[in-house]
Amino acid sequence: MNKPLASLSLDLDNAWSYLQIHGNEEWQSYPSYLDQLVPMFLDDMAARNLKVTVFVVGKDASLPQNRDLLRGIAESGHEIGNHSFNHLPWLDRFTAAGLRAELTEAHDAIGTATGSSTVGFRGPGFSFSAETLSVLASLGYTYDASTLPTFIGPLARAYYFRSGDLSEEERELRSKLFGSFTDIRRPNTAYRWATHDLMELPVTTIPLIRTPFHLSYLLWLAGISEKLADLYLSVALAACRATGTTPSVLIHPLDFFGGDDAPDLAFFPGMEHSGAEKRAISGHFLDRLTDAFDFTTCRAHVEASKPSRTVTL
């Protein structure tokens, strides 16, 4: 029996982008772990025979030392997506001209580094706006993947505010980080925007209850109880099957890195675990997901979708 089609994507956030969001000035030297992460990630995907989407940050693509690593992702058969140039999770605050410059610069840098022309975008921190859709449509993109239809965004933002070293101005910039409570009303499966020739592929949350089950969230639950996390994933898989939801599942670099791999990121949830522990737990969750679904790239998922729903922003 064929498994339902689903998509898997990696937001290739680098060490500097986490430091930047947290308010640490060390980000300005652009510290990187890509030389450790990318080979590990490619080996993990190859071991599971997976081809996924990797959303690349334009600044990383513009640095010569990263180009061979990023090109290697594309040459391994993975889709390359656009994750903005500067990874600023307040794109909704940009002027139209500033947003166009941000996304175009990323598009060009990523294309040069990887040899791939990107047609999909995800905003950092799930940042999203109508102007973003206009710019993407004008660049010839076919889909956006920036929405997370859940109500917990403000709770995640509160955690960052409590743990970060942020001025009042920086807090104001981040005031919409991770979205709002009203995001729970957004569709949870692929749909078409009425006012733009674009598809939207949300990061899927558990149908009906609308809480996340991407890998970072499962790892957080596993820090409380691995049995609880396994049960929670079982609920997510059962709800997807019952509702015919074919999920788009998100992973992050720190799903594979522990405190021993990136000690400067100890403030991030789950970094009290070693990298070996996190990789073992993440691998277990990935195996459960791939047992249930036939994972592919976001682009292939969008192209295979036949959404009956059209949404006006």
C-alpha atoms as a PDB file:
ATOM      1  CA  MET A   1       0.000   0.000   0.000  1.00  0.00           C
ATOM      2  CA  ASN A   2       1.385   3.405  -0.988  1.00  0.00           C
ATOM      3  CA  LYS A   3       2.007   5.874   1.797  1.00  0.00           C
ATOM      4  CA  PRO A   4       0.507   9.379   1.575  1.00  0.00           C
ATOM      5  CA  LEU A   5       2.792  12.059   0.180  1.00  0.00           C
ATOM      6  CA  ALA A   6       4.225  14.629   2.604  1.00  0.00           C
ATOM      7  CA  SER A   7       7.101  17.115   2.642  1.00  0.00           C
ATOM      8  CA  LEU A   8      10.122  17.659   4.840  1.00  0.00           C
ATOM      9  CA  SER A   9      12.152  20.864   5.007  1.00  0.00           C
ATOM     10  CA  LEU A  10      15.192  22.196   6.842  1.00  0.00           C
ATOM     11  CA  ASP A  11      15.493  25.872   7.736  1.00  0.00           C
ATOM     12  CA  LEU A  12      19.280  26.220   7.468  1.00  0.00           C
ATOM     13  CA  ASP A  13      19.568  28.802  10.242  1.00  0.00           C
ATOM     14  CA  ASN A  14      23.216  29.346  11.151  1.00  0.00           C
ATOM     15  CA  ALA A  15      24.795  30.005  14.567  1.00  0.00           C
ATOM     16  CA  TRP A  16      24.921  33.763  13.918  1.00  0.00           C
ATOM     17  CA  SER A  17      21.187  33.933  13.182  1.00  0.00           C
ATOM     18  CA  TYR A  18      20.304  32.403  16.574  1.00  0.00           C
ATOM     19  CA  LEU A  19      22.694  34.814  18.316  1.00  0.00           C
ATOM     20  CA  GLN A  20      21.182  37.722  16.419  1.00  0.00           C
ATOM     21  CA  ILE A  21      17.597  36.890  17.423  1.00  0.00           C
ATOM     22  CA  HIS A  22      18.757  36.426  21.018  1.00  0.00           C
ATOM     23  CA  GLY A  23      20.399  39.864  21.053  1.00  0.00           C
ATOM     24  CA  ASN A  24      24.032  38.669  21.356  1.00  0.00           C
ATOM     25  CA  GLU A  25      26.450  41.052  19.639  1.00  0.00           C
ATOM     26  CA  GLU A  26      28.740  38.130  18.717  1.00  0.00           C
ATOM     27  CA  TRP A  27      26.483  37.460  15.729  1.00  0.00           C
ATOM     28  CA  GLN A  28      28.191  40.267  13.809  1.00  0.00           C
ATOM     29  CA  SER A  29      31.273  38.095  13.193  1.00  0.00           C
ATOM     30  CA  TYR A  30      28.977  35.523  11.503  1.00  0.00           C
ATOM     31  CA  PRO A  31      30.039  32.409  13.445  1.00  0.00           C
ATOM     32  CA  SER A  32      29.078  29.283  11.527  1.00  0.00           C
ATOM     33  CA  TYR A  33      28.575  25.580  12.111  1.00  0.00           C
ATOM     34  CA  LEU A  34      27.673  24.742   8.508  1.00  0.00           C
ATOM     35  CA  ASP A  35      30.900  22.782   7.995  1.00  0.00           C
ATOM     36  CA  GLN A  36      29.770  20.425  10.794  1.00  0.00           C
ATOM     37  CA  LEU A  37      26.058  20.421  10.073  1.00  0.00           C
ATOM     38  CA  VAL A  38      25.782  20.046   6.311  1.00  0.00           C
ATOM     39  CA  PRO A  39      27.761  16.766   5.947  1.00  0.00           C
ATOM     40  CA  MET A  40      25.870  15.301   8.926  1.00  0.00           C
ATOM     41  CA  PHE A  41      22.540  16.345   7.478  1.00  0.00           C
ATOM     42  CA  LEU A  42      23.322  14.971   4.026  1.00  0.00           C
ATOM     43  CA  ASP A  43      24.399  11.633   5.519  1.00  0.00           C
ATOM     44  CA  ASP A  44      21.173  11.417   7.572  1.00  0.00           C
ATOM     45  CA  MET A  45      19.004  12.147   4.549  1.00  0.00           C
ATOM     46  CA  ALA A  46      20.919   9.708   2.336  1.00  0.00           C
ATOM     47  CA  ALA A  47      20.592   6.957   4.947  1.00  0.00           C
ATOM     48  CA  ARG A  48      16.800   7.375   4.769  1.00  0.00           C
ATOM     49  CA  ASN A  49      16.748   7.886   0.979  1.00  0.00           C
ATOM     50  CA  LEU A  50      15.106  11.292   1.441  1.00  0.00           C
ATOM     51  CA  LYS A  51      15.085  14.298  -0.871  1.00  0.00           C
ATOM     52  CA  VAL A  52      13.900  17.379   1.031  1.00  0.00           C
ATOM     53  CA  THR A  53      13.813  21.174   0.799  1.00  0.00           C
ATOM     54  CA  VAL A  54      16.574  23.245   2.391  1.00  0.00           C
ATOM     55  CA  PHE A  55      15.737  26.914   2.945  1.00  0.00           C
ATOM     56  CA  VAL A  56      19.065  28.761   2.701  1.00  0.00           C
ATOM     57  CA  VAL A  57      19.905  32.170   4.173  1.00  0.00           C
ATOM     58  CA  GLY A  58      21.295  34.543   1.538  1.00  0.00           C
ATOM     59  CA  LYS A  59      24.055  35.952   3.746  1.00  0.00           C
ATOM     60  CA  ASP A  60      25.501  32.457   4.199  1.00  0.00           C
ATOM     61  CA  ALA A  61      25.278  31.882   0.456  1.00  0.00           C
ATOM     62  CA  SER A  62      27.168  35.119  -0.197  1.00  0.00           C
ATOM     63  CA  LEU A  63      30.206  34.002   1.862  1.00  0.00           C
ATOM     64  CA  PRO A  64      32.769  32.141  -0.276  1.00  0.00           C
ATOM     65  CA  GLN A  65      33.625  29.625   2.468  1.00  0.00           C
ATOM     66  CA  ASN A  66      30.056  28.262   2.389  1.00  0.00           C
ATOM     67  CA  ARG A  67      29.551  27.871  -1.340  1.00  0.00           C
ATOM     68  CA  ASP A  68      30.917  24.353  -1.785  1.00  0.00           C
ATOM     69  CA  LEU A  69      28.826  23.153   1.176  1.00  0.00           C
ATOM     70  CA  LEU A  70      25.642  24.710  -0.174  1.00  0.00           C
ATOM     71  CA  ARG A  71      26.255  23.550  -3.723  1.00  0.00           C
ATOM     72  CA  GLY A  72      26.738  20.052  -2.307  1.00  0.00           C
ATOM     73  CA  ILE A  73      23.183  20.161  -0.938  1.00  0.00           C
ATOM     74  CA  ALA A  74      21.778  20.914  -4.387  1.00  0.00           C
ATOM     75  CA  GLU A  75      24.032  18.364  -6.089  1.00  0.00           C
ATOM     76  CA  SER A  76      22.696  15.720  -3.665  1.00  0.00           C
ATOM     77  CA  GLY A  77      19.244  16.236  -5.167  1.00  0.00           C
ATOM     78  CA  HIS A  78      17.630  18.399  -2.497  1.00  0.00           C
ATOM     79  CA  GLU A  79      15.496  21.398  -3.369  1.00  0.00           C
ATOM     80  CA  ILE A  80      16.934  24.786  -2.442  1.00  0.00           C
ATOM     81  CA  GLY A  81      14.587  27.451  -1.065  1.00  0.00           C
ATOM     82  CA  ASN A  82      14.948  31.117  -0.110  1.00  0.00           C
ATOM     83  CA  HIS A  83      15.051  31.979   3.622  1.00  0.00           C
ATOM     84  CA  SER A  84      15.717  35.748   3.157  1.00  0.00           C
ATOM     85  CA  PHE A  85      19.134  37.435   3.077  1.00  0.00           C
ATOM     86  CA  ASN A  86      19.668  38.657   6.647  1.00  0.00           C
ATOM     87  CA  HIS A  87      17.335  36.279   8.523  1.00  0.00           C
ATOM     88  CA  LEU A  88      15.461  39.108  10.217  1.00  0.00           C
ATOM     89  CA  PRO A  89      12.154  37.718  11.560  1.00  0.00           C
ATOM     90  CA  TRP A  90      10.308  41.000  11.181  1.00  0.00           C
ATOM     91  CA  LEU A  91       9.942  41.147   7.414  1.00  0.00           C
ATOM     92  CA  ASP A  92       6.389  42.385   7.934  1.00  0.00           C
ATOM     93  CA  ARG A  93       7.919  45.693   9.123  1.00  0.00           C
ATOM     94  CA  PHE A  94       9.991  46.239   5.973  1.00  0.00           C
ATOM     95  CA  THR A  95       9.054  48.871   3.411  1.00  0.00           C
ATOM     96  CA  ALA A  96       8.068  47.514   0.000  1.00  0.00           C
ATOM     97  CA  ALA A  97      11.425  48.586  -1.446  1.00  0.00           C
ATOM     98  CA  GLY A  98      13.355  47.121   1.500  1.00  0.00           C
ATOM     99  CA  LEU A  99      11.547  43.821   1.263  1.00  0.00           C
ATOM    100  CA  ARG A 100      12.152  43.565  -2.476  1.00  0.00           C
ATOM    101  CA  ALA A 101      15.867  44.224  -1.943  1.00  0.00           C
ATOM    102  CA  GLU A 102      16.047  41.641   0.872  1.00  0.00           C
ATOM    103  CA  LEU A 103      14.402  38.834  -1.074  1.00  0.00           C
ATOM    104  CA  THR A 104      16.046  39.623  -4.405  1.00  0.00           C
ATOM    105  CA  GLU A 105      19.525  39.775  -2.879  1.00  0.00           C
ATOM    106  CA  ALA A 106      18.919  36.408  -1.241  1.00  0.00           C
ATOM    107  CA  HIS A 107      17.557  34.913  -4.455  1.00  0.00           C
ATOM    108  CA  ASP A 108      20.614  36.004  -6.416  1.00  0.00           C
ATOM    109  CA  ALA A 109      23.169  34.944  -3.779  1.00  0.00           C
ATOM    110  CA  ILE A 110      21.571  31.527  -3.304  1.00  0.00           C
ATOM    111  CA  GLY A 111      21.387  30.939  -7.047  1.00  0.00           C
ATOM    112  CA  THR A 112      25.050  31.838  -7.493  1.00  0.00           C
ATOM    113  CA  ALA A 113      26.198  29.647  -4.597  1.00  0.00           C
ATOM    114  CA  THR A 114      24.089  26.566  -5.303  1.00  0.00           C
ATOM    115  CA  GLY A 115      23.468  26.686  -9.033  1.00  0.00           C
ATOM    116  CA  SER A 116      19.735  26.341  -8.296  1.00  0.00           C
ATOM    117  CA  SER A 117      16.921  28.740  -9.102  1.00  0.00           C
ATOM    118  CA  THR A 118      14.670  29.007  -6.063  1.00  0.00           C
ATOM    119  CA  VAL A 119      10.876  28.970  -6.430  1.00  0.00           C
ATOM    120  CA  GLY A 120       9.905  28.580  -2.750  1.00  0.00           C
ATOM    121  CA  PHE A 121      10.277  30.900   0.229  1.00  0.00           C
ATOM    122  CA  ARG A 122       9.962  30.687   4.007  1.00  0.00           C
ATOM    123  CA  GLY A 123      10.150  33.779   6.178  1.00  0.00           C
ATOM    124  CA  PRO A 124      12.432  33.616   9.223  1.00  0.00           C
ATOM    125  CA  GLY A 125      10.409  33.271  12.414  1.00  0.00           C
ATOM    126  CA  PHE A 126       7.347  32.617  10.209  1.00  0.00           C
ATOM    127  CA  SER A 127       7.328  36.332   9.306  1.00  0.00           C
ATOM    128  CA  PHE A 128       4.700  36.989   6.677  1.00  0.00           C
ATOM    129  CA  SER A 129       2.908  39.829   4.882  1.00  0.00           C
ATOM    130  CA  ALA A 130       0.873  40.618   1.789  1.00  0.00           C
ATOM    131  CA  GLU A 131       3.846  42.537   0.396  1.00  0.00           C
ATOM    132  CA  THR A 132       5.965  39.383   0.712  1.00  0.00           C
ATOM    133  CA  LEU A 133       3.531  37.549  -1.542  1.00  0.00           C
ATOM    134  CA  SER A 134       3.658  40.389  -4.103  1.00  0.00           C
ATOM    135  CA  VAL A 135       7.459  40.332  -4.229  1.00  0.00           C
ATOM    136  CA  LEU A 136       7.572  36.544  -4.505  1.00  0.00           C
ATOM    137  CA  ALA A 137       5.042  36.529  -7.336  1.00  0.00           C
ATOM    138  CA  SER A 138       7.042  39.160  -9.218  1.00  0.00           C
ATOM    139  CA  LEU A 139      10.198  37.024  -8.826  1.00  0.00           C
ATOM    140  CA  GLY A 140       8.423  34.044 -10.380  1.00  0.00           C
ATOM    141  CA  TYR A 141       8.101  31.988  -7.199  1.00  0.00           C
ATOM    142  CA  THR A 142       5.428  29.306  -7.138  1.00  0.00           C
ATOM    143  CA  TYR A 143       4.913  28.861  -3.393  1.00  0.00           C
ATOM    144  CA  ASP A 144       5.371  30.356   0.053  1.00  0.00           C
ATOM    145  CA  ALA A 145       5.847  28.210   3.176  1.00  0.00           C
ATOM    146  CA  SER A 146       5.878  30.856   5.920  1.00  0.00           C
ATOM    147  CA  THR A 147       2.680  30.180   7.847  1.00  0.00           C
ATOM    148  CA  LEU A 148       2.328  28.164  11.053  1.00  0.00           C
ATOM    149  CA  PRO A 149      -1.379  27.745  11.870  1.00  0.00           C
ATOM    150  CA  THR A 150      -1.241  27.564  15.659  1.00  0.00           C
ATOM    151  CA  PHE A 151      -2.001  29.694  18.707  1.00  0.00           C
ATOM    152  CA  ILE A 152       1.294  29.195  20.551  1.00  0.00           C
ATOM    153  CA  GLY A 153       3.395  31.807  18.716  1.00  0.00           C
ATOM    154  CA  PRO A 154       3.041  34.456  21.457  1.00  0.00           C
ATOM    155  CA  LEU A 155       4.086  31.880  24.067  1.00  0.00           C
ATOM    156  CA  ALA A 156       7.270  31.111  22.133  1.00  0.00           C
ATOM    157  CA  ARG A 157       7.888  34.858  21.789  1.00  0.00           C
ATOM    158  CA  ALA A 158       7.500  35.326  25.542  1.00  0.00           C
ATOM    159  CA  TYR A 159      10.152  32.669  26.127  1.00  0.00           C
ATOM    160  CA  TYR A 160      12.599  34.485  23.848  1.00  0.00           C
ATOM    161  CA  PHE A 161      11.918  37.790  25.552  1.00  0.00           C
ATOM    162  CA  ARG A 162      12.540  36.227  28.959  1.00  0.00           C
ATOM    163  CA  SER A 163      15.748  34.470  27.915  1.00  0.00           C
ATOM    164  CA  GLY A 164      17.234  37.091  25.573  1.00  0.00           C
ATOM    165  CA  ASP A 165      19.351  40.163  26.258  1.00  0.00           C
ATOM    166  CA  LEU A 166      17.115  42.616  24.403  1.00  0.00           C
ATOM    167  CA  SER A 167      16.607  46.361  24.574  1.00  0.00           C
ATOM    168  CA  GLU A 168      13.120  47.866  24.400  1.00  0.00           C
ATOM    169  CA  GLU A 169      13.760  48.780  20.757  1.00  0.00           C
ATOM    170  CA  GLU A 170      14.785  45.201  19.965  1.00  0.00           C
ATOM    171  CA  ARG A 171      11.699  43.861  21.740  1.00  0.00           C
ATOM    172  CA  GLU A 172       9.507  46.172  19.681  1.00  0.00           C
ATOM    173  CA  LEU A 173      11.103  44.884  16.462  1.00  0.00           C
ATOM    174  CA  ARG A 174      10.334  41.338  17.608  1.00  0.00           C
ATOM    175  CA  SER A 175       6.791  42.105  18.759  1.00  0.00           C
ATOM    176  CA  LYS A 176       5.270  39.834  16.083  1.00  0.00           C
ATOM    177  CA  LEU A 177       7.940  37.122  16.221  1.00  0.00           C
ATOM    178  CA  PHE A 178       6.364  33.661  15.704  1.00  0.00           C
ATOM    179  CA  GLY A 179       2.940  35.110  14.915  1.00  0.00           C
ATOM    180  CA  SER A 180      -0.227  35.745  16.909  1.00  0.00           C
ATOM    181  CA  PHE A 181      -3.036  33.810  18.577  1.00  0.00           C
ATOM    182  CA  THR A 182      -5.232  34.428  15.508  1.00  0.00           C
ATOM    183  CA  ASP A 183      -2.905  32.328  13.329  1.00  0.00           C
ATOM    184  CA  ILE A 184      -4.901  29.309  14.509  1.00  0.00           C
ATOM    185  CA  ARG A 185      -7.540  30.327  11.931  1.00  0.00           C
ATOM    186  CA  ARG A 186      -5.187  29.886   8.969  1.00  0.00           C
ATOM    187  CA  PRO A 187      -5.620  26.765   6.806  1.00  0.00           C
ATOM    188  CA  ASN A 188      -3.506  23.761   7.811  1.00  0.00           C
ATOM    189  CA  THR A 189      -3.032  22.254   4.337  1.00  0.00           C
ATOM    190  CA  ALA A 190      -1.904  23.609   0.963  1.00  0.00           C
ATOM    191  CA  TYR A 191      -4.069  26.313  -0.592  1.00  0.00           C
ATOM    192  CA  ARG A 192      -3.909  28.997  -3.263  1.00  0.00           C
ATOM    193  CA  TRP A 193      -3.823  32.717  -2.625  1.00  0.00           C
ATOM    194  CA  ALA A 194      -6.675  34.461  -4.406  1.00  0.00           C
ATOM    195  CA  THR A 195      -4.779  37.671  -5.126  1.00  0.00           C
ATOM    196  CA  HIS A 196      -1.435  36.164  -6.222  1.00  0.00           C
ATOM    197  CA  ASP A 197      -0.424  33.296  -8.476  1.00  0.00           C
ATOM    198  CA  LEU A 198       1.091  31.496  -5.496  1.00  0.00           C
ATOM    199  CA  MET A 199       0.438  28.432  -3.404  1.00  0.00           C
ATOM    200  CA  GLU A 200       0.819  28.425   0.367  1.00  0.00           C
ATOM    201  CA  LEU A 201       2.249  25.342   2.077  1.00  0.00           C
ATOM    202  CA  PRO A 202       1.820  25.751   5.843  1.00  0.00           C
ATOM    203  CA  VAL A 203       4.073  24.074   8.379  1.00  0.00           C
ATOM    204  CA  THR A 204       1.486  21.547   9.498  1.00  0.00           C
ATOM    205  CA  THR A 205       0.136  21.462  13.043  1.00  0.00           C
ATOM    206  CA  ILE A 206      -1.975  18.694  14.588  1.00  0.00           C
ATOM    207  CA  PRO A 207      -5.390  18.791  12.916  1.00  0.00           C
ATOM    208  CA  LEU A 208      -8.209  20.064  15.127  1.00  0.00           C
ATOM    209  CA  ILE A 209      -6.082  20.959  18.183  1.00  0.00           C
ATOM    210  CA  ARG A 210      -3.570  22.979  16.098  1.00  0.00           C
ATOM    211  CA  THR A 211      -0.447  22.484  18.195  1.00  0.00           C
ATOM    212  CA  PRO A 212       2.913  21.979  16.422  1.00  0.00           C
ATOM    213  CA  PHE A 213       4.638  18.646  15.914  1.00  0.00           C
ATOM    214  CA  HIS A 214       7.741  19.693  14.041  1.00  0.00           C
ATOM    215  CA  LEU A 215      10.965  18.197  15.351  1.00  0.00           C
ATOM    216  CA  SER A 216      11.965  21.039  17.694  1.00  0.00           C
ATOM    217  CA  TYR A 217       8.635  20.754  19.496  1.00  0.00           C
ATOM    218  CA  LEU A 218       8.917  16.972  19.794  1.00  0.00           C
ATOM    219  CA  LEU A 219      12.436  17.343  21.213  1.00  0.00           C
ATOM    220  CA  TRP A 220      11.163  19.834  23.784  1.00  0.00           C
ATOM    221  CA  LEU A 221       8.518  17.324  24.879  1.00  0.00           C
ATOM    222  CA  ALA A 222      11.120  14.552  24.958  1.00  0.00           C
ATOM    223  CA  GLY A 223      13.072  16.675  27.440  1.00  0.00           C
ATOM    224  CA  ILE A 224      10.108  16.252  29.776  1.00  0.00           C
ATOM    225  CA  SER A 225       9.380  12.624  28.878  1.00  0.00           C
ATOM    226  CA  GLU A 226      10.315  10.592  25.809  1.00  0.00           C
ATOM    227  CA  LYS A 227       7.167   8.485  26.310  1.00  0.00           C
ATOM    228  CA  LEU A 228       5.079  11.668  26.313  1.00  0.00           C
ATOM    229  CA  ALA A 229       6.724  12.843  23.085  1.00  0.00           C
ATOM    230  CA  ASP A 230       6.109   9.465  21.443  1.00  0.00           C
ATOM    231  CA  LEU A 231       2.464   9.532  22.504  1.00  0.00           C
ATOM    232  CA  TYR A 232       2.100  13.092  21.236  1.00  0.00           C
ATOM    233  CA  LEU A 233       3.524  12.113  17.842  1.00  0.00           C
ATOM    234  CA  SER A 234       1.134   9.149  17.735  1.00  0.00           C
ATOM    235  CA  VAL A 235      -1.762  11.572  18.261  1.00  0.00           C
ATOM    236  CA  ALA A 236      -0.421  13.813  15.464  1.00  0.00           C
ATOM    237  CA  LEU A 237      -0.076  10.915  13.021  1.00  0.00           C
ATOM    238  CA  ALA A 238      -3.526   9.563  13.875  1.00  0.00           C
ATOM    239  CA  ALA A 239      -5.117  13.003  13.424  1.00  0.00           C
ATOM    240  CA  CYS A 240      -3.415  13.435  10.038  1.00  0.00           C
ATOM    241  CA  ARG A 241      -4.644  10.026   8.885  1.00  0.00           C
ATOM    242  CA  ALA A 242      -8.184  10.641  10.143  1.00  0.00           C
ATOM    243  CA  THR A 243      -8.469  14.013   8.393  1.00  0.00           C
ATOM    244  CA  GLY A 244      -6.542  13.124   5.238  1.00  0.00           C
ATOM    245  CA  THR A 245      -3.910  15.757   6.082  1.00  0.00           C
ATOM    246  CA  THR A 246      -0.605  15.300   4.249  1.00  0.00           C
ATOM    247  CA  PRO A 247       1.815  17.200   6.472  1.00  0.00           C
ATOM    248  CA  SER A 248       4.669  19.538   5.729  1.00  0.00           C
ATOM    249  CA  VAL A 249       7.158  18.877   8.536  1.00  0.00           C
ATOM    250  CA  LEU A 250       9.893  21.297   9.583  1.00  0.00           C
ATOM    251  CA  ILE A 251      13.340  20.565  11.007  1.00  0.00           C
ATOM    252  CA  HIS A 252      16.037  22.926  12.316  1.00  0.00           C
ATOM    253  CA  PRO A 253      19.814  22.580  12.747  1.00  0.00           C
ATOM    254  CA  LEU A 254      19.532  22.508  16.538  1.00  0.00           C
ATOM    255  CA  ASP A 255      17.389  19.383  16.265  1.00  0.00           C
ATOM    256  CA  PHE A 256      20.727  17.652  15.602  1.00  0.00           C
ATOM    257  CA  PHE A 257      23.141  19.789  17.636  1.00  0.00           C
ATOM    258  CA  GLY A 258      23.565  19.680  21.400  1.00  0.00           C
ATOM    259  CA  GLY A 259      25.318  21.895  23.902  1.00  0.00           C
ATOM    260  CA  ASP A 260      28.636  20.159  23.248  1.00  0.00           C
ATOM    261  CA  ASP A 261      28.371  20.975  19.524  1.00  0.00           C
ATOM    262  CA  ALA A 262      27.398  24.643  19.909  1.00  0.00           C
ATOM    263  CA  PRO A 263      28.160  25.860  23.470  1.00  0.00           C
ATOM    264  CA  ASP A 264      27.491  29.504  22.532  1.00  0.00           C
ATOM    265  CA  LEU A 265      23.847  28.556  21.949  1.00  0.00           C
ATOM    266  CA  ALA A 266      23.240  27.170  25.430  1.00  0.00           C
ATOM    267  CA  PHE A 267      20.263  29.557  25.834  1.00  0.00           C
ATOM    268  CA  PHE A 268      18.281  27.639  23.209  1.00  0.00           C
ATOM    269  CA  PRO A 269      15.752  25.053  24.520  1.00  0.00           C
ATOM    270  CA  GLY A 270      17.106  21.505  24.576  1.00  0.00           C
ATOM    271  CA  MET A 271      20.789  22.463  24.475  1.00  0.00           C
ATOM    272  CA  GLU A 272      21.362  20.816  27.846  1.00  0.00           C
ATOM    273  CA  HIS A 273      21.477  17.548  25.893  1.00  0.00           C
ATOM    274  CA  SER A 274      24.517  16.309  24.001  1.00  0.00           C
ATOM    275  CA  GLY A 275      24.518  16.206  20.236  1.00  0.00           C
ATOM    276  CA  ALA A 276      24.606  12.409  20.286  1.00  0.00           C
ATOM    277  CA  GLU A 277      21.483  12.329  22.459  1.00  0.00           C
ATOM    278  CA  LYS A 278      19.605  14.779  20.265  1.00  0.00           C
ATOM    279  CA  ARG A 279      20.562  12.981  17.064  1.00  0.00           C
ATOM    280  CA  ALA A 280      19.356   9.676  18.484  1.00  0.00           C
ATOM    281  CA  ILE A 281      16.003  11.140  19.548  1.00  0.00           C
ATOM    282  CA  SER A 282      15.543  13.107  16.315  1.00  0.00           C
ATOM    283  CA  GLY A 283      16.432  10.023  14.295  1.00  0.00           C
ATOM    284  CA  HIS A 284      13.761   8.054  16.134  1.00  0.00           C
ATOM    285  CA  PHE A 285      11.121  10.688  15.349  1.00  0.00           C
ATOM    286  CA  LEU A 286      12.207  10.904  11.701  1.00  0.00           C
ATOM    287  CA  ASP A 287      11.933   7.132  11.393  1.00  0.00           C
ATOM    288  CA  ARG A 288       8.404   7.202  12.779  1.00  0.00           C
ATOM    289  CA  LEU A 289       7.430   9.979  10.370  1.00  0.00           C
ATOM    290  CA  THR A 290       8.946   8.243   7.344  1.00  0.00           C
ATOM    291  CA  ASP A 291       7.185   5.004   8.311  1.00  0.00           C
ATOM    292  CA  ALA A 292       3.876   6.867   8.031  1.00  0.00           C
ATOM    293  CA  PHE A 293       4.457   9.124   5.015  1.00  0.00           C
ATOM    294  CA  ASP A 294       6.367   9.242   1.748  1.00  0.00           C
ATOM    295  CA  PHE A 295       8.383  12.430   2.225  1.00  0.00           C
ATOM    296  CA  THR A 296       9.493  14.625  -0.651  1.00  0.00           C
ATOM    297  CA  THR A 297      10.392  18.264  -1.258  1.00  0.00           C
ATOM    298  CA  CYS A 298       8.051  21.171  -0.625  1.00  0.00           C
ATOM    299  CA  ARG A 299       7.972  21.901  -4.349  1.00  0.00           C
ATOM    300  CA  ALA A 300       6.936  18.344  -5.223  1.00  0.00           C
ATOM    301  CA  HIS A 301       4.345  18.399  -2.415  1.00  0.00           C
ATOM    302  CA  VAL A 302       2.857  21.628  -3.745  1.00  0.00           C
ATOM    303  CA  GLU A 303       2.810  20.353  -7.318  1.00  0.00           C
ATOM    304  CA  ALA A 304       1.045  17.148  -6.234  1.00  0.00           C
ATOM    305  CA  SER A 305      -1.555  19.041  -4.173  1.00  0.00           C
ATOM    306  CA  LYS A 306      -4.922  19.816  -5.656  1.00  0.00           C
ATOM    307  CA  PRO A 307      -6.278  22.380  -3.199  1.00  0.00           C
ATOM    308  CA  SER A 308      -9.947  23.195  -3.449  1.00  0.00           C
ATOM    309  CA  ARG A 309      -9.485  26.189  -1.162  1.00  0.00           C
ATOM    310  CA  THR A 310      -8.573  29.701  -2.276  1.00  0.00           C
ATOM    311  CA  VAL A 311      -7.801  32.249   0.434  1.00  0.00           C
ATOM    312  CA  THR A 312      -7.909  36.034   0.399  1.00  0.00           C
ATOM    313  CA  LEU A 313      -5.386  37.683   2.700  1.00  0.00           C
END
